[in-house]
Amino acid sequence: MPGWQWTVLALLVAALGVQMLVADRARLAQDARWRPLLERTCAVLRCSLPAWHQPQAYTMLAREVRPLPGAAGVLQVHASFRNDARWPQQWPAIAVSLSDADGRTLGGRVLLPKDYLEPDLRQTTLAPGQSAQMTVQVREPPGGAVAFAFDFR
């Protein structure tokens, strides 16, 4: 086989490799080993990557659940958290569960970014090291909730 054919074959294989990277970029972008290569590739090809999603990299800084004054049966949930991931992340869903004195779960709710963010912030990401706060009101479950737990998703 002549040398020019080997060159063409090598170029075609390289093009196929780039196409495979770009086509599967959403899945591969969630792998820390692939993300830097995909960021460089998409910078050249002007493609986009989904935001990094690593819920365990969020750190809860403060949290509080207390009755809302003047509103019977309503709790005000306040939390502040920080993104400790290496890359900007999409805003987390935050699961809040309320328990009684015996540890039985009385109720819970998953708060989506649309539940706690202003509309103009919903399409943004949280930068590495950036902190954020959320405050929402939820209905108090019957049974006297005395404990609460937060989980990032």
N, C-alpha and C. Protein backbone atom coordinates (compact mmCIF):
# COMPACT_ATOMS: atom_id res chain seq x y z
N MET A 1 0.85 -1.17 0.00
CA MET A 1 0.00 0.00 0.00
C MET A 1 0.91 1.24 0.00
N PRO A 2 0.63 2.19 -0.88
CA PRO A 2 1.44 3.42 -0.95
C PRO A 2 1.32 4.23 0.34
N GLY A 3 2.35 5.03 0.60
CA GLY A 3 2.42 5.84 1.81
C GLY A 3 1.27 6.82 1.96
N TRP A 4 0.79 7.41 0.88
CA TRP A 4 -0.29 8.39 0.97
C TRP A 4 -1.57 7.75 1.48
N GLN A 5 -1.77 6.46 1.15
CA GLN A 5 -2.98 5.77 1.62
C GLN A 5 -2.93 5.55 3.14
N TRP A 6 -1.73 5.28 3.67
CA TRP A 6 -1.59 5.15 5.12
C TRP A 6 -1.88 6.48 5.81
N THR A 7 -1.45 7.55 5.19
CA THR A 7 -1.70 8.87 5.75
C THR A 7 -3.20 9.17 5.77
N VAL A 8 -3.88 8.87 4.67
CA VAL A 8 -5.32 9.09 4.58
C VAL A 8 -6.04 8.22 5.61
N LEU A 9 -5.62 6.97 5.75
CA LEU A 9 -6.23 6.06 6.72
C LEU A 9 -6.04 6.60 8.14
N ALA A 10 -4.85 7.09 8.46
CA ALA A 10 -4.59 7.64 9.79
C ALA A 10 -5.46 8.86 10.05
N LEU A 11 -5.62 9.73 9.04
CA LEU A 11 -6.48 10.90 9.19
C LEU A 11 -7.94 10.51 9.40
N LEU A 12 -8.40 9.51 8.67
CA LEU A 12 -9.78 9.04 8.82
C LEU A 12 -10.01 8.43 10.21
N VAL A 13 -9.06 7.67 10.72
CA VAL A 13 -9.18 7.09 12.05
C VAL A 13 -9.20 8.20 13.10
N ALA A 14 -8.34 9.21 12.94
CA ALA A 14 -8.32 10.34 13.87
C ALA A 14 -9.65 11.09 13.84
N ALA A 15 -10.19 11.32 12.65
CA ALA A 15 -11.49 12.01 12.52
C ALA A 15 -12.60 11.20 13.18
N LEU A 16 -12.55 9.88 13.02
CA LEU A 16 -13.55 9.02 13.66
C LEU A 16 -13.43 9.13 15.18
N GLY A 17 -12.21 9.15 15.69
CA GLY A 17 -12.00 9.29 17.13
C GLY A 17 -12.57 10.59 17.67
N VAL A 18 -12.35 11.68 16.96
CA VAL A 18 -12.88 12.98 17.38
C VAL A 18 -14.41 12.96 17.33
N GLN A 19 -14.96 12.36 16.28
CA GLN A 19 -16.43 12.27 16.18
C GLN A 19 -17.00 11.47 17.34
N MET A 20 -16.34 10.38 17.71
CA MET A 20 -16.83 9.57 18.83
C MET A 20 -16.77 10.35 20.14
N LEU A 21 -15.70 11.13 20.35
CA LEU A 21 -15.60 11.96 21.55
C LEU A 21 -16.72 12.99 21.62
N VAL A 22 -16.93 13.66 20.50
CA VAL A 22 -17.95 14.72 20.48
C VAL A 22 -19.35 14.13 20.62
N ALA A 23 -19.60 13.01 19.96
CA ALA A 23 -20.93 12.40 20.02
C ALA A 23 -21.27 11.90 21.43
N ASP A 24 -20.28 11.41 22.16
CA ASP A 24 -20.51 10.85 23.49
C ASP A 24 -20.05 11.80 24.60
N ARG A 25 -19.93 13.08 24.28
CA ARG A 25 -19.36 14.03 25.21
C ARG A 25 -20.17 14.21 26.49
N ALA A 26 -21.49 14.09 26.43
CA ALA A 26 -22.30 14.29 27.63
C ALA A 26 -21.97 13.23 28.69
N ARG A 27 -21.82 12.00 28.28
CA ARG A 27 -21.49 10.93 29.23
C ARG A 27 -20.03 11.03 29.67
N LEU A 28 -19.14 11.21 28.72
CA LEU A 28 -17.71 11.26 29.04
C LEU A 28 -17.35 12.49 29.87
N ALA A 29 -18.10 13.56 29.73
CA ALA A 29 -17.81 14.80 30.46
C ALA A 29 -18.01 14.63 31.97
N GLN A 30 -18.72 13.59 32.39
CA GLN A 30 -18.93 13.34 33.81
C GLN A 30 -17.82 12.49 34.42
N ASP A 31 -16.82 12.15 33.62
CA ASP A 31 -15.66 11.39 34.08
C ASP A 31 -14.48 12.34 34.19
N ALA A 32 -13.90 12.44 35.38
CA ALA A 32 -12.81 13.40 35.62
C ALA A 32 -11.60 13.15 34.73
N ARG A 33 -11.42 11.92 34.26
CA ARG A 33 -10.27 11.63 33.39
C ARG A 33 -10.49 12.18 31.99
N TRP A 34 -11.73 12.19 31.51
CA TRP A 34 -12.04 12.63 30.15
C TRP A 34 -12.35 14.12 30.05
N ARG A 35 -12.84 14.72 31.12
CA ARG A 35 -13.34 16.10 31.05
C ARG A 35 -12.30 17.10 30.52
N PRO A 36 -11.05 17.10 31.01
CA PRO A 36 -10.09 18.08 30.47
C PRO A 36 -9.89 17.96 28.96
N LEU A 37 -9.81 16.75 28.44
CA LEU A 37 -9.66 16.55 26.99
C LEU A 37 -10.89 17.06 26.25
N LEU A 38 -12.06 16.77 26.78
CA LEU A 38 -13.30 17.23 26.13
C LEU A 38 -13.43 18.75 26.18
N GLU A 39 -13.00 19.37 27.27
CA GLU A 39 -13.06 20.83 27.33
C GLU A 39 -12.17 21.45 26.26
N ARG A 40 -10.97 20.89 26.09
CA ARG A 40 -10.08 21.42 25.05
C ARG A 40 -10.65 21.16 23.65
N THR A 41 -11.19 19.96 23.44
CA THR A 41 -11.77 19.61 22.14
C THR A 41 -12.95 20.52 21.81
N CYS A 42 -13.83 20.72 22.79
CA CYS A 42 -15.00 21.57 22.55
C CYS A 42 -14.62 23.04 22.41
N ALA A 43 -13.53 23.45 23.01
CA ALA A 43 -13.08 24.83 22.81
C ALA A 43 -12.67 25.05 21.36
N VAL A 44 -12.05 24.04 20.76
CA VAL A 44 -11.62 24.14 19.36
C VAL A 44 -12.82 24.01 18.42
N LEU A 45 -13.69 23.02 18.71
CA LEU A 45 -14.82 22.74 17.82
C LEU A 45 -16.06 23.58 18.13
N ARG A 46 -15.98 24.39 19.18
CA ARG A 46 -17.10 25.23 19.60
C ARG A 46 -18.36 24.43 19.91
N CYS A 47 -18.16 23.33 20.61
CA CYS A 47 -19.32 22.56 21.08
C CYS A 47 -19.49 22.84 22.57
N SER A 48 -20.56 22.37 23.15
CA SER A 48 -20.81 22.63 24.57
C SER A 48 -20.77 21.33 25.35
N LEU A 49 -20.45 21.47 26.63
CA LEU A 49 -20.45 20.33 27.55
C LEU A 49 -21.49 20.58 28.62
N PRO A 50 -22.14 19.52 29.07
CA PRO A 50 -23.07 19.71 30.20
C PRO A 50 -22.27 20.05 31.45
N ALA A 51 -22.92 20.73 32.38
CA ALA A 51 -22.25 21.08 33.62
C ALA A 51 -21.84 19.81 34.37
N TRP A 52 -20.76 19.91 35.10
CA TRP A 52 -20.28 18.81 35.92
C TRP A 52 -21.34 18.50 36.97
N HIS A 53 -21.53 17.22 37.28
CA HIS A 53 -22.53 16.83 38.27
C HIS A 53 -21.89 15.85 39.24
N GLN A 54 -21.57 16.35 40.43
CA GLN A 54 -20.94 15.54 41.47
C GLN A 54 -21.58 15.96 42.80
N PRO A 55 -22.78 15.44 43.10
CA PRO A 55 -23.49 15.89 44.29
C PRO A 55 -22.70 15.73 45.59
N GLN A 56 -21.88 14.70 45.68
CA GLN A 56 -21.12 14.49 46.91
C GLN A 56 -20.05 15.56 47.12
N ALA A 57 -19.78 16.38 46.13
CA ALA A 57 -18.79 17.45 46.27
C ALA A 57 -19.40 18.74 46.84
N TYR A 58 -20.69 18.74 47.11
CA TYR A 58 -21.29 19.89 47.79
C TYR A 58 -21.10 19.72 49.29
N THR A 59 -20.74 20.79 49.95
CA THR A 59 -20.54 20.77 51.40
C THR A 59 -21.58 21.68 52.04
N MET A 60 -22.29 21.12 53.01
CA MET A 60 -23.27 21.91 53.75
C MET A 60 -22.52 22.77 54.76
N LEU A 61 -22.72 24.06 54.70
CA LEU A 61 -22.04 24.99 55.61
C LEU A 61 -22.91 25.33 56.82
N ALA A 62 -24.20 25.51 56.60
CA ALA A 62 -25.13 25.81 57.68
C ALA A 62 -26.52 25.38 57.24
N ARG A 63 -27.33 25.02 58.21
CA ARG A 63 -28.70 24.62 57.90
C ARG A 63 -29.58 24.90 59.09
N GLU A 64 -30.82 25.19 58.78
CA GLU A 64 -31.75 25.53 59.85
C GLU A 64 -33.18 25.31 59.36
N VAL A 65 -33.98 24.69 60.21
CA VAL A 65 -35.40 24.54 59.95
C VAL A 65 -36.11 25.03 61.19
N ARG A 66 -36.98 26.02 61.01
CA ARG A 66 -37.71 26.55 62.16
C ARG A 66 -39.10 26.97 61.73
N PRO A 67 -40.03 27.04 62.70
CA PRO A 67 -41.38 27.49 62.37
C PRO A 67 -41.36 28.91 61.84
N LEU A 68 -42.19 29.17 60.86
CA LEU A 68 -42.31 30.52 60.31
C LEU A 68 -43.23 31.32 61.22
N PRO A 69 -42.75 32.41 61.81
CA PRO A 69 -43.59 33.19 62.72
C PRO A 69 -44.86 33.67 62.02
N GLY A 70 -45.98 33.50 62.70
CA GLY A 70 -47.25 33.97 62.18
C GLY A 70 -47.89 33.07 61.14
N ALA A 71 -47.30 31.91 60.88
CA ALA A 71 -47.87 30.99 59.88
C ALA A 71 -47.87 29.58 60.48
N ALA A 72 -49.00 29.20 61.04
CA ALA A 72 -49.11 27.89 61.68
C ALA A 72 -48.91 26.77 60.66
N GLY A 73 -48.11 25.78 61.02
CA GLY A 73 -47.91 24.62 60.16
C GLY A 73 -46.93 24.85 59.01
N VAL A 74 -46.21 25.95 59.02
CA VAL A 74 -45.25 26.26 57.96
C VAL A 74 -43.85 26.35 58.57
N LEU A 75 -42.92 25.67 57.92
CA LEU A 75 -41.53 25.71 58.35
C LEU A 75 -40.70 26.49 57.34
N GLN A 76 -39.74 27.24 57.85
CA GLN A 76 -38.81 27.93 56.96
C GLN A 76 -37.51 27.12 56.97
N VAL A 77 -37.08 26.72 55.80
CA VAL A 77 -35.86 25.92 55.63
C VAL A 77 -34.80 26.84 55.05
N HIS A 78 -33.67 26.92 55.74
CA HIS A 78 -32.56 27.75 55.27
C HIS A 78 -31.30 26.90 55.27
N ALA A 79 -30.53 26.99 54.20
CA ALA A 79 -29.27 26.25 54.11
C ALA A 79 -28.27 27.05 53.31
N SER A 80 -27.01 26.91 53.66
CA SER A 80 -25.94 27.46 52.84
C SER A 80 -24.98 26.32 52.55
N PHE A 81 -24.46 26.31 51.32
CA PHE A 81 -23.62 25.20 50.89
C PHE A 81 -22.56 25.72 49.92
N ARG A 82 -21.55 24.88 49.68
CA ARG A 82 -20.43 25.27 48.83
C ARG A 82 -20.12 24.15 47.84
N ASN A 83 -19.72 24.54 46.63
CA ASN A 83 -19.29 23.59 45.62
C ASN A 83 -17.79 23.33 45.80
N ASP A 84 -17.44 22.13 46.23
CA ASP A 84 -16.04 21.76 46.40
C ASP A 84 -15.52 20.90 45.25
N ALA A 85 -16.26 20.83 44.15
CA ALA A 85 -15.82 20.07 42.97
C ALA A 85 -14.73 20.85 42.23
N ARG A 86 -14.04 20.17 41.33
CA ARG A 86 -12.97 20.80 40.55
C ARG A 86 -13.51 21.71 39.45
N TRP A 87 -14.75 21.50 39.06
CA TRP A 87 -15.34 22.25 37.95
C TRP A 87 -16.66 22.89 38.39
N PRO A 88 -17.13 23.87 37.61
CA PRO A 88 -18.47 24.43 37.90
C PRO A 88 -19.51 23.32 37.84
N GLN A 89 -20.49 23.40 38.71
CA GLN A 89 -21.55 22.39 38.75
C GLN A 89 -22.91 23.03 38.55
N GLN A 90 -23.82 22.21 38.05
CA GLN A 90 -25.20 22.65 38.03
C GLN A 90 -25.69 22.73 39.47
N TRP A 91 -26.71 23.53 39.69
CA TRP A 91 -27.26 23.68 41.04
C TRP A 91 -27.85 22.34 41.48
N PRO A 92 -27.68 21.97 42.74
CA PRO A 92 -28.14 20.65 43.18
C PRO A 92 -29.63 20.62 43.49
N ALA A 93 -30.18 19.42 43.40
CA ALA A 93 -31.46 19.15 44.02
C ALA A 93 -31.12 18.83 45.48
N ILE A 94 -31.93 19.32 46.40
CA ILE A 94 -31.65 19.13 47.82
C ILE A 94 -32.83 18.42 48.46
N ALA A 95 -32.57 17.21 48.95
CA ALA A 95 -33.61 16.44 49.63
C ALA A 95 -33.62 16.82 51.10
N VAL A 96 -34.79 17.20 51.60
CA VAL A 96 -34.95 17.55 53.01
C VAL A 96 -35.93 16.56 53.60
N SER A 97 -35.54 15.91 54.70
CA SER A 97 -36.46 14.99 55.38
C SER A 97 -36.59 15.41 56.84
N LEU A 98 -37.79 15.28 57.35
CA LEU A 98 -38.10 15.64 58.73
C LEU A 98 -38.48 14.38 59.50
N SER A 99 -37.96 14.26 60.72
CA SER A 99 -38.17 13.06 61.53
C SER A 99 -38.72 13.43 62.90
N ASP A 100 -39.34 12.43 63.55
CA ASP A 100 -39.83 12.64 64.92
C ASP A 100 -38.74 12.25 65.91
N ALA A 101 -39.06 12.29 67.20
CA ALA A 101 -38.08 12.00 68.25
C ALA A 101 -37.58 10.56 68.20
N ASP A 102 -38.35 9.67 67.60
CA ASP A 102 -37.94 8.26 67.50
C ASP A 102 -37.16 7.97 66.23
N GLY A 103 -36.92 8.99 65.42
CA GLY A 103 -36.15 8.80 64.19
C GLY A 103 -36.98 8.38 62.99
N ARG A 104 -38.29 8.32 63.16
CA ARG A 104 -39.16 7.96 62.03
C ARG A 104 -39.33 9.16 61.11
N THR A 105 -39.21 8.93 59.83
CA THR A 105 -39.38 10.01 58.86
C THR A 105 -40.85 10.37 58.78
N LEU A 106 -41.15 11.63 59.01
CA LEU A 106 -42.53 12.12 58.95
C LEU A 106 -42.88 12.70 57.59
N GLY A 107 -41.88 13.20 56.92
CA GLY A 107 -42.13 13.81 55.62
C GLY A 107 -40.83 14.28 55.00
N GLY A 108 -40.92 14.57 53.75
CA GLY A 108 -39.73 15.04 53.06
C GLY A 108 -40.10 15.64 51.72
N ARG A 109 -39.13 16.30 51.16
CA ARG A 109 -39.34 16.94 49.87
C ARG A 109 -37.99 17.12 49.19
N VAL A 110 -37.98 16.94 47.89
CA VAL A 110 -36.79 17.22 47.10
C VAL A 110 -36.98 18.61 46.50
N LEU A 111 -36.08 19.50 46.87
CA LEU A 111 -36.14 20.88 46.38
C LEU A 111 -35.27 20.99 45.13
N LEU A 112 -35.89 21.28 44.03
CA LEU A 112 -35.18 21.46 42.77
C LEU A 112 -34.68 22.90 42.67
N PRO A 113 -33.69 23.15 41.83
CA PRO A 113 -33.22 24.54 41.70
C PRO A 113 -34.34 25.53 41.41
N LYS A 114 -35.36 25.13 40.66
CA LYS A 114 -36.46 26.05 40.37
C LYS A 114 -37.27 26.39 41.62
N ASP A 115 -37.14 25.56 42.67
CA ASP A 115 -37.85 25.82 43.92
C ASP A 115 -37.15 26.85 44.80
N TYR A 116 -35.83 26.99 44.64
CA TYR A 116 -35.11 27.89 45.54
C TYR A 116 -34.28 28.97 44.85
N LEU A 117 -34.21 28.95 43.54
CA LEU A 117 -33.44 29.96 42.82
C LEU A 117 -34.34 30.98 42.15
N GLU A 118 -33.83 32.19 42.05
CA GLU A 118 -34.50 33.21 41.25
C GLU A 118 -34.43 32.79 39.79
N PRO A 119 -35.42 33.14 38.98
CA PRO A 119 -35.44 32.71 37.57
C PRO A 119 -34.17 33.04 36.78
N ASP A 120 -33.55 34.18 37.04
CA ASP A 120 -32.37 34.55 36.27
C ASP A 120 -31.12 33.74 36.64
N LEU A 121 -31.15 32.99 37.74
CA LEU A 121 -30.01 32.17 38.15
C LEU A 121 -30.14 30.70 37.76
N ARG A 122 -31.29 30.29 37.28
CA ARG A 122 -31.55 28.87 37.04
C ARG A 122 -30.69 28.27 35.93
N GLN A 123 -30.23 29.07 35.00
CA GLN A 123 -29.40 28.56 33.91
C GLN A 123 -27.92 28.74 34.17
N THR A 124 -27.56 29.16 35.39
CA THR A 124 -26.16 29.36 35.73
C THR A 124 -25.61 28.12 36.43
N THR A 125 -24.31 28.14 36.69
CA THR A 125 -23.68 27.06 37.44
C THR A 125 -23.03 27.66 38.68
N LEU A 126 -22.64 26.78 39.59
CA LEU A 126 -21.96 27.19 40.81
C LEU A 126 -20.48 26.89 40.63
N ALA A 127 -19.64 27.92 40.68
CA ALA A 127 -18.21 27.79 40.43
C ALA A 127 -17.52 27.01 41.55
N PRO A 128 -16.36 26.42 41.27
CA PRO A 128 -15.62 25.74 42.33
C PRO A 128 -15.32 26.71 43.48
N GLY A 129 -15.60 26.28 44.70
CA GLY A 129 -15.37 27.11 45.87
C GLY A 129 -16.45 28.14 46.15
N GLN A 130 -17.41 28.28 45.24
CA GLN A 130 -18.47 29.27 45.42
C GLN A 130 -19.51 28.74 46.41
N SER A 131 -19.99 29.63 47.27
CA SER A 131 -21.03 29.30 48.23
C SER A 131 -22.36 29.87 47.77
N ALA A 132 -23.43 29.27 48.26
CA ALA A 132 -24.77 29.73 47.92
C ALA A 132 -25.69 29.51 49.11
N GLN A 133 -26.82 30.18 49.08
CA GLN A 133 -27.82 30.02 50.13
C GLN A 133 -29.16 29.75 49.51
N MET A 134 -30.01 29.09 50.27
CA MET A 134 -31.38 28.91 49.83
C MET A 134 -32.29 29.02 51.04
N THR A 135 -33.47 29.58 50.80
CA THR A 135 -34.49 29.67 51.82
C THR A 135 -35.82 29.35 51.16
N VAL A 136 -36.52 28.37 51.71
CA VAL A 136 -37.83 28.00 51.20
C VAL A 136 -38.76 27.72 52.37
N GLN A 137 -40.04 27.73 52.08
CA GLN A 137 -41.03 27.39 53.09
C GLN A 137 -41.69 26.08 52.70
N VAL A 138 -41.86 25.20 53.70
CA VAL A 138 -42.51 23.92 53.48
C VAL A 138 -43.59 23.71 54.54
N ARG A 139 -44.53 22.87 54.21
CA ARG A 139 -45.60 22.54 55.15
C ARG A 139 -45.05 21.56 56.19
N GLU A 140 -45.34 21.82 57.45
CA GLU A 140 -44.88 20.95 58.53
C GLU A 140 -45.72 19.67 58.55
N PRO A 141 -45.08 18.50 58.56
CA PRO A 141 -45.85 17.27 58.60
C PRO A 141 -46.46 17.07 59.99
N PRO A 142 -47.59 16.37 60.07
CA PRO A 142 -48.18 16.11 61.38
C PRO A 142 -47.28 15.15 62.17
N GLY A 143 -47.26 15.31 63.48
CA GLY A 143 -46.51 14.37 64.30
C GLY A 143 -45.33 14.99 65.03
N GLY A 144 -45.10 16.27 64.89
CA GLY A 144 -44.05 16.92 65.67
C GLY A 144 -42.64 16.61 65.22
N ALA A 145 -42.24 17.14 64.10
CA ALA A 145 -40.88 16.95 63.61
C ALA A 145 -39.89 17.63 64.54
N VAL A 146 -38.83 16.90 64.93
CA VAL A 146 -37.82 17.47 65.81
C VAL A 146 -36.41 17.39 65.19
N ALA A 147 -36.29 16.62 64.13
CA ALA A 147 -34.97 16.48 63.47
C ALA A 147 -35.15 16.62 61.98
N PHE A 148 -34.07 16.99 61.31
CA PHE A 148 -34.12 17.13 59.86
C PHE A 148 -32.79 16.71 59.26
N ALA A 149 -32.83 16.32 57.99
CA ALA A 149 -31.62 15.91 57.29
C ALA A 149 -31.65 16.49 55.89
N PHE A 150 -30.47 16.80 55.36
CA PHE A 150 -30.33 17.33 54.01
C PHE A 150 -29.44 16.37 53.22
N ASP A 151 -29.78 16.21 51.95
CA ASP A 151 -28.97 15.35 51.06
C ASP A 151 -28.93 15.99 49.70
N PHE A 152 -27.73 16.11 49.12
CA PHE A 152 -27.59 16.69 47.79
C PHE A 152 -27.76 15.61 46.74
N ARG A 153 -28.45 15.97 45.67
CA ARG A 153 -28.66 15.03 44.56
C ARG A 153 -28.28 15.67 43.26
